[in-house]
Amino acid sequence: QVQMVESGGGVVQAGGSLRLSCVASGRTLVNVDMGWYRQAPGKEREFVAMTRWTWRGYTSDYDDFAKDRFTISRDNAGNTTNLEMNNLKPEDTTIYYCNIRVPGAVPVDYWGQGTQVTVSS
């Protein structure tokens, strides 16, 4: 049982910035992966960025399109992830979904309701 609240979406002009936030609750969340995907209606789901727990701390992974423009962060308690998006482009327009993945022999995914990002030209 995991509940997630996403926020931070909105409408910006090309070149602008937004910060998405996802706050989760309902279980121990330190040792889980937490990040973001995006998906427009009728299109394929696309990986954006994710944080992963390790013994040395959280690591970050980005899709190529997000590298150098987006920055993902994770709080020490493990229940919150933020996605800072800079130099936004019209191609970034879609719905962004928070994802929690519980590792294990059978990984389990949890999804937020999504937050809309619209970038005008």
N, C-alpha and C. Protein backbone atom coordinates (compact mmCIF):
# COMPACT_ATOMS: atom_id res chain seq x y z
N GLN A 1 0.83 -1.19 0.00
CA GLN A 1 0.00 0.00 0.00
C GLN A 1 0.88 1.25 0.00
N VAL A 2 0.83 1.99 -1.10
CA VAL A 2 1.59 3.22 -1.25
C VAL A 2 0.67 4.29 -1.83
N GLN A 3 0.72 5.46 -1.24
CA GLN A 3 -0.01 6.61 -1.74
C GLN A 3 0.98 7.69 -2.13
N MET A 4 0.73 8.33 -3.27
CA MET A 4 1.62 9.35 -3.79
C MET A 4 0.84 10.60 -4.17
N VAL A 5 1.42 11.75 -3.89
CA VAL A 5 0.85 13.03 -4.26
C VAL A 5 1.86 13.76 -5.12
N GLU A 6 1.48 14.06 -6.36
CA GLU A 6 2.34 14.76 -7.30
C GLU A 6 1.89 16.21 -7.43
N SER A 7 2.85 17.09 -7.63
CA SER A 7 2.54 18.50 -7.81
C SER A 7 3.66 19.16 -8.61
N GLY A 8 3.42 20.39 -9.02
CA GLY A 8 4.44 21.18 -9.68
C GLY A 8 4.25 21.36 -11.17
N GLY A 9 3.31 20.66 -11.77
CA GLY A 9 3.06 20.83 -13.19
C GLY A 9 2.44 22.18 -13.48
N GLY A 10 2.45 22.54 -14.75
CA GLY A 10 1.89 23.81 -15.15
C GLY A 10 2.21 24.12 -16.59
N VAL A 11 2.01 25.38 -16.96
CA VAL A 11 2.25 25.87 -18.31
C VAL A 11 3.39 26.86 -18.29
N VAL A 12 4.40 26.62 -19.11
CA VAL A 12 5.54 27.52 -19.22
C VAL A 12 5.90 27.70 -20.69
N GLN A 13 6.61 28.76 -20.97
CA GLN A 13 7.12 28.98 -22.31
C GLN A 13 8.42 28.21 -22.51
N ALA A 14 8.73 27.95 -23.76
CA ALA A 14 9.97 27.26 -24.07
C ALA A 14 11.16 27.96 -23.43
N GLY A 15 12.05 27.17 -22.85
CA GLY A 15 13.19 27.71 -22.14
C GLY A 15 12.96 27.92 -20.66
N GLY A 16 11.73 27.80 -20.21
CA GLY A 16 11.41 27.97 -18.81
C GLY A 16 11.71 26.74 -17.99
N SER A 17 11.36 26.82 -16.70
CA SER A 17 11.67 25.76 -15.76
C SER A 17 10.45 25.42 -14.91
N LEU A 18 10.40 24.19 -14.46
CA LEU A 18 9.41 23.71 -13.52
C LEU A 18 10.08 22.74 -12.56
N ARG A 19 9.51 22.61 -11.37
CA ARG A 19 9.96 21.62 -10.41
C ARG A 19 8.79 20.74 -10.01
N LEU A 20 8.88 19.48 -10.35
CA LEU A 20 7.87 18.51 -9.96
C LEU A 20 8.23 17.89 -8.62
N SER A 21 7.22 17.56 -7.85
CA SER A 21 7.43 16.95 -6.55
C SER A 21 6.49 15.77 -6.38
N CYS A 22 6.99 14.72 -5.75
CA CYS A 22 6.20 13.54 -5.44
C CYS A 22 6.46 13.16 -3.99
N VAL A 23 5.40 13.14 -3.20
CA VAL A 23 5.48 12.77 -1.80
C VAL A 23 4.70 11.49 -1.59
N ALA A 24 5.35 10.48 -1.06
CA ALA A 24 4.76 9.17 -0.89
C ALA A 24 4.60 8.82 0.58
N SER A 25 3.66 7.94 0.85
CA SER A 25 3.43 7.45 2.20
C SER A 25 2.79 6.07 2.12
N GLY A 26 2.73 5.39 3.25
CA GLY A 26 2.03 4.12 3.32
C GLY A 26 2.89 2.92 3.65
N ARG A 27 4.20 3.05 3.52
CA ARG A 27 5.12 1.97 3.84
C ARG A 27 6.52 2.52 3.99
N THR A 28 7.44 1.68 4.43
CA THR A 28 8.85 2.06 4.49
C THR A 28 9.37 2.30 3.08
N LEU A 29 9.93 3.50 2.85
CA LEU A 29 10.28 3.91 1.50
C LEU A 29 11.76 4.20 1.30
N VAL A 30 12.59 3.94 2.28
CA VAL A 30 14.01 4.25 2.15
C VAL A 30 14.66 3.37 1.09
N ASN A 31 14.40 2.08 1.13
CA ASN A 31 15.10 1.13 0.28
C ASN A 31 14.31 0.78 -0.97
N VAL A 32 13.73 1.78 -1.62
CA VAL A 32 13.01 1.58 -2.86
C VAL A 32 13.50 2.56 -3.90
N ASP A 33 13.28 2.22 -5.16
CA ASP A 33 13.57 3.13 -6.25
C ASP A 33 12.40 4.09 -6.42
N MET A 34 12.70 5.33 -6.72
CA MET A 34 11.67 6.34 -6.85
C MET A 34 12.08 7.33 -7.94
N GLY A 35 11.17 7.57 -8.88
CA GLY A 35 11.52 8.47 -9.97
C GLY A 35 10.32 8.85 -10.81
N TRP A 36 10.58 9.14 -12.08
CA TRP A 36 9.58 9.72 -12.95
C TRP A 36 9.57 9.08 -14.33
N TYR A 37 8.36 8.90 -14.85
CA TYR A 37 8.10 8.56 -16.24
C TYR A 37 7.17 9.62 -16.82
N ARG A 38 7.05 9.63 -18.13
CA ARG A 38 6.09 10.52 -18.77
C ARG A 38 5.39 9.77 -19.89
N GLN A 39 4.15 10.16 -20.14
CA GLN A 39 3.35 9.50 -21.16
C GLN A 39 2.22 10.40 -21.61
N ALA A 40 2.17 10.65 -22.90
CA ALA A 40 1.07 11.39 -23.49
C ALA A 40 -0.02 10.42 -23.91
N PRO A 41 -1.27 10.87 -23.92
CA PRO A 41 -2.36 9.98 -24.34
C PRO A 41 -2.10 9.40 -25.72
N GLY A 42 -2.23 8.09 -25.82
CA GLY A 42 -2.02 7.41 -27.09
C GLY A 42 -0.58 7.17 -27.47
N LYS A 43 0.36 7.53 -26.60
CA LYS A 43 1.77 7.35 -26.89
C LYS A 43 2.42 6.43 -25.88
N GLU A 44 3.63 5.99 -26.19
CA GLU A 44 4.35 5.04 -25.35
C GLU A 44 4.89 5.72 -24.10
N ARG A 45 4.87 4.98 -22.99
CA ARG A 45 5.44 5.49 -21.76
C ARG A 45 6.95 5.61 -21.89
N GLU A 46 7.50 6.68 -21.34
CA GLU A 46 8.90 7.01 -21.52
C GLU A 46 9.57 7.24 -20.17
N PHE A 47 10.69 6.60 -19.96
CA PHE A 47 11.47 6.79 -18.76
C PHE A 47 12.09 8.18 -18.74
N VAL A 48 12.10 8.83 -17.57
CA VAL A 48 12.69 10.15 -17.42
C VAL A 48 13.91 10.09 -16.51
N ALA A 49 13.69 9.76 -15.25
CA ALA A 49 14.77 9.73 -14.27
C ALA A 49 14.34 8.92 -13.07
N MET A 50 15.32 8.37 -12.36
CA MET A 50 15.01 7.55 -11.20
C MET A 50 16.17 7.59 -10.21
N THR A 51 15.83 7.51 -8.93
CA THR A 51 16.82 7.36 -7.87
C THR A 51 16.77 5.93 -7.34
N ARG A 52 17.94 5.39 -7.00
CA ARG A 52 18.05 4.04 -6.48
C ARG A 52 18.86 4.04 -5.19
N TRP A 53 18.40 3.26 -4.22
CA TRP A 53 19.11 3.14 -2.96
C TRP A 53 20.28 2.18 -3.10
N THR A 54 21.41 2.57 -2.53
CA THR A 54 22.57 1.71 -2.40
C THR A 54 23.16 1.89 -1.01
N TRP A 55 24.08 1.02 -0.64
CA TRP A 55 24.74 1.12 0.66
C TRP A 55 25.53 2.42 0.80
N ARG A 56 25.91 3.01 -0.31
CA ARG A 56 26.68 4.25 -0.30
C ARG A 56 25.81 5.48 -0.49
N GLY A 57 24.50 5.30 -0.58
CA GLY A 57 23.59 6.40 -0.78
C GLY A 57 22.81 6.25 -2.07
N TYR A 58 21.92 7.19 -2.33
CA TYR A 58 21.10 7.14 -3.53
C TYR A 58 21.92 7.48 -4.76
N THR A 59 21.66 6.75 -5.83
CA THR A 59 22.21 7.04 -7.14
C THR A 59 21.11 7.54 -8.05
N SER A 60 21.50 8.24 -9.11
CA SER A 60 20.54 8.82 -10.04
C SER A 60 20.79 8.30 -11.45
N ASP A 61 19.70 8.08 -12.17
CA ASP A 61 19.78 7.61 -13.54
C ASP A 61 18.83 8.44 -14.39
N TYR A 62 19.28 8.81 -15.60
CA TYR A 62 18.50 9.66 -16.49
C TYR A 62 18.43 9.05 -17.88
N ASP A 63 17.31 9.28 -18.54
CA ASP A 63 17.27 9.02 -19.97
C ASP A 63 18.09 10.09 -20.68
N ASP A 64 18.53 9.79 -21.89
CA ASP A 64 19.42 10.70 -22.59
C ASP A 64 18.80 12.09 -22.79
N PHE A 65 17.51 12.14 -23.10
CA PHE A 65 16.90 13.44 -23.35
C PHE A 65 16.87 14.31 -22.11
N ALA A 66 16.88 13.69 -20.92
CA ALA A 66 16.78 14.44 -19.68
C ALA A 66 18.13 14.83 -19.10
N LYS A 67 19.15 14.15 -19.52
CA LYS A 67 20.49 14.42 -18.99
C LYS A 67 20.91 15.85 -19.33
N ASP A 68 21.44 16.55 -18.36
CA ASP A 68 21.93 17.92 -18.48
C ASP A 68 20.83 18.97 -18.49
N ARG A 69 19.58 18.56 -18.56
CA ARG A 69 18.47 19.51 -18.46
C ARG A 69 17.64 19.29 -17.20
N PHE A 70 17.50 18.04 -16.79
CA PHE A 70 16.69 17.70 -15.62
C PHE A 70 17.60 17.22 -14.49
N THR A 71 17.18 17.47 -13.25
CA THR A 71 17.90 17.01 -12.08
C THR A 71 16.92 16.39 -11.11
N ILE A 72 17.17 15.14 -10.74
CA ILE A 72 16.32 14.45 -9.79
C ILE A 72 17.00 14.43 -8.43
N SER A 73 16.20 14.52 -7.38
CA SER A 73 16.71 14.49 -6.03
C SER A 73 15.82 13.61 -5.16
N ARG A 74 16.35 13.18 -4.02
CA ARG A 74 15.66 12.30 -3.09
C ARG A 74 15.99 12.76 -1.69
N ASP A 75 14.96 12.89 -0.85
CA ASP A 75 15.20 13.33 0.51
C ASP A 75 15.75 12.18 1.34
N ASN A 76 16.34 12.51 2.49
CA ASN A 76 16.99 11.50 3.32
C ASN A 76 16.01 10.47 3.88
N ALA A 77 14.78 10.88 4.13
CA ALA A 77 13.78 9.95 4.62
C ALA A 77 13.31 8.98 3.54
N GLY A 78 13.54 9.32 2.28
CA GLY A 78 13.22 8.43 1.18
C GLY A 78 11.82 8.54 0.63
N ASN A 79 10.98 9.41 1.21
CA ASN A 79 9.59 9.45 0.80
C ASN A 79 9.28 10.52 -0.23
N THR A 80 10.25 11.34 -0.59
CA THR A 80 10.02 12.46 -1.50
C THR A 80 11.06 12.46 -2.60
N THR A 81 10.62 12.69 -3.82
CA THR A 81 11.52 12.93 -4.93
C THR A 81 11.08 14.18 -5.67
N ASN A 82 12.05 14.97 -6.09
CA ASN A 82 11.81 16.18 -6.86
C ASN A 82 12.50 16.07 -8.21
N LEU A 83 11.88 16.64 -9.21
CA LEU A 83 12.46 16.67 -10.55
C LEU A 83 12.51 18.13 -11.00
N GLU A 84 13.71 18.69 -11.03
CA GLU A 84 13.91 20.04 -11.53
C GLU A 84 14.14 19.98 -13.03
N MET A 85 13.28 20.64 -13.77
CA MET A 85 13.32 20.62 -15.22
C MET A 85 13.67 22.01 -15.73
N ASN A 86 14.77 22.11 -16.43
CA ASN A 86 15.25 23.38 -16.98
C ASN A 86 15.27 23.32 -18.50
N ASN A 87 15.27 24.51 -19.11
CA ASN A 87 15.31 24.62 -20.56
C ASN A 87 14.25 23.73 -21.21
N LEU A 88 13.04 23.87 -20.74
CA LEU A 88 11.95 23.03 -21.23
C LEU A 88 11.65 23.32 -22.69
N LYS A 89 11.27 22.28 -23.40
CA LYS A 89 10.97 22.35 -24.82
C LYS A 89 9.54 21.91 -25.07
N PRO A 90 8.94 22.35 -26.17
CA PRO A 90 7.58 21.89 -26.48
C PRO A 90 7.46 20.38 -26.51
N GLU A 91 8.52 19.67 -26.88
CA GLU A 91 8.50 18.22 -26.89
C GLU A 91 8.35 17.61 -25.49
N ASP A 92 8.61 18.39 -24.46
CA ASP A 92 8.45 17.91 -23.09
C ASP A 92 6.99 17.92 -22.63
N THR A 93 6.10 18.45 -23.44
CA THR A 93 4.70 18.54 -23.08
C THR A 93 4.07 17.15 -23.01
N THR A 94 3.60 16.80 -21.82
CA THR A 94 2.94 15.52 -21.60
C THR A 94 2.59 15.42 -20.12
N ILE A 95 2.11 14.27 -19.72
CA ILE A 95 1.81 14.01 -18.32
C ILE A 95 2.99 13.26 -17.70
N TYR A 96 3.43 13.74 -16.54
CA TYR A 96 4.55 13.14 -15.83
C TYR A 96 4.02 12.36 -14.63
N TYR A 97 4.49 11.13 -14.49
CA TYR A 97 4.01 10.23 -13.45
C TYR A 97 5.13 9.85 -12.49
N CYS A 98 4.86 9.96 -11.21
CA CYS A 98 5.77 9.47 -10.19
C CYS A 98 5.70 7.95 -10.13
N ASN A 99 6.85 7.33 -9.98
CA ASN A 99 6.95 5.87 -9.93
C ASN A 99 7.75 5.44 -8.71
N ILE A 100 7.24 4.45 -8.01
CA ILE A 100 7.97 3.78 -6.95
C ILE A 100 8.11 2.31 -7.34
N ARG A 101 9.32 1.82 -7.33
CA ARG A 101 9.59 0.42 -7.66
C ARG A 101 10.24 -0.25 -6.46
N VAL A 102 9.57 -1.27 -5.95
CA VAL A 102 10.08 -2.03 -4.82
C VAL A 102 10.90 -3.19 -5.38
N PRO A 103 12.22 -3.19 -5.17
CA PRO A 103 13.05 -4.27 -5.71
C PRO A 103 12.76 -5.60 -5.04
N GLY A 104 13.15 -6.66 -5.71
CA GLY A 104 12.98 -8.00 -5.20
C GLY A 104 12.93 -9.01 -6.32
N ALA A 105 12.70 -10.26 -5.93
CA ALA A 105 12.57 -11.30 -6.94
C ALA A 105 11.43 -10.99 -7.91
N VAL A 106 10.36 -10.40 -7.39
CA VAL A 106 9.24 -9.94 -8.20
C VAL A 106 9.05 -8.45 -7.91
N PRO A 107 9.67 -7.56 -8.69
CA PRO A 107 9.53 -6.12 -8.42
C PRO A 107 8.08 -5.67 -8.52
N VAL A 108 7.74 -4.68 -7.72
CA VAL A 108 6.40 -4.13 -7.67
C VAL A 108 6.46 -2.65 -7.97
N ASP A 109 5.61 -2.19 -8.88
CA ASP A 109 5.54 -0.79 -9.27
C ASP A 109 4.29 -0.13 -8.70
N TYR A 110 4.45 1.10 -8.24
CA TYR A 110 3.35 1.95 -7.83
C TYR A 110 3.41 3.24 -8.63
N TRP A 111 2.24 3.75 -8.99
CA TRP A 111 2.16 4.92 -9.87
C TRP A 111 1.29 6.00 -9.27
N GLY A 112 1.72 7.26 -9.45
CA GLY A 112 0.89 8.38 -9.09
C GLY A 112 -0.14 8.68 -10.16
N GLN A 113 -0.96 9.68 -9.90
CA GLN A 113 -2.02 10.05 -10.83
C GLN A 113 -1.52 10.89 -12.00
N GLY A 114 -0.36 11.48 -11.87
CA GLY A 114 0.23 12.27 -12.94
C GLY A 114 0.00 13.76 -12.76
N THR A 115 0.92 14.53 -13.29
CA THR A 115 0.80 15.99 -13.30
C THR A 115 1.14 16.49 -14.70
N GLN A 116 0.33 17.41 -15.19
CA GLN A 116 0.45 17.88 -16.56
C GLN A 116 1.52 18.95 -16.69
N VAL A 117 2.38 18.78 -17.68
CA VAL A 117 3.38 19.78 -18.03
C VAL A 117 3.11 20.21 -19.47
N THR A 118 2.95 21.51 -19.68
CA THR A 118 2.71 22.06 -21.00
C THR A 118 3.73 23.15 -21.28
N VAL A 119 4.45 22.99 -22.37
CA VAL A 119 5.48 23.95 -22.77
C VAL A 119 5.05 24.56 -24.09
N SER A 120 4.82 25.85 -24.09
CA SER A 120 4.38 26.55 -25.28
C SER A 120 5.57 27.08 -26.05
N SER A 121 5.38 27.23 -27.35
CA SER A 121 6.44 27.75 -28.20
C SER A 121 6.28 29.22 -28.47
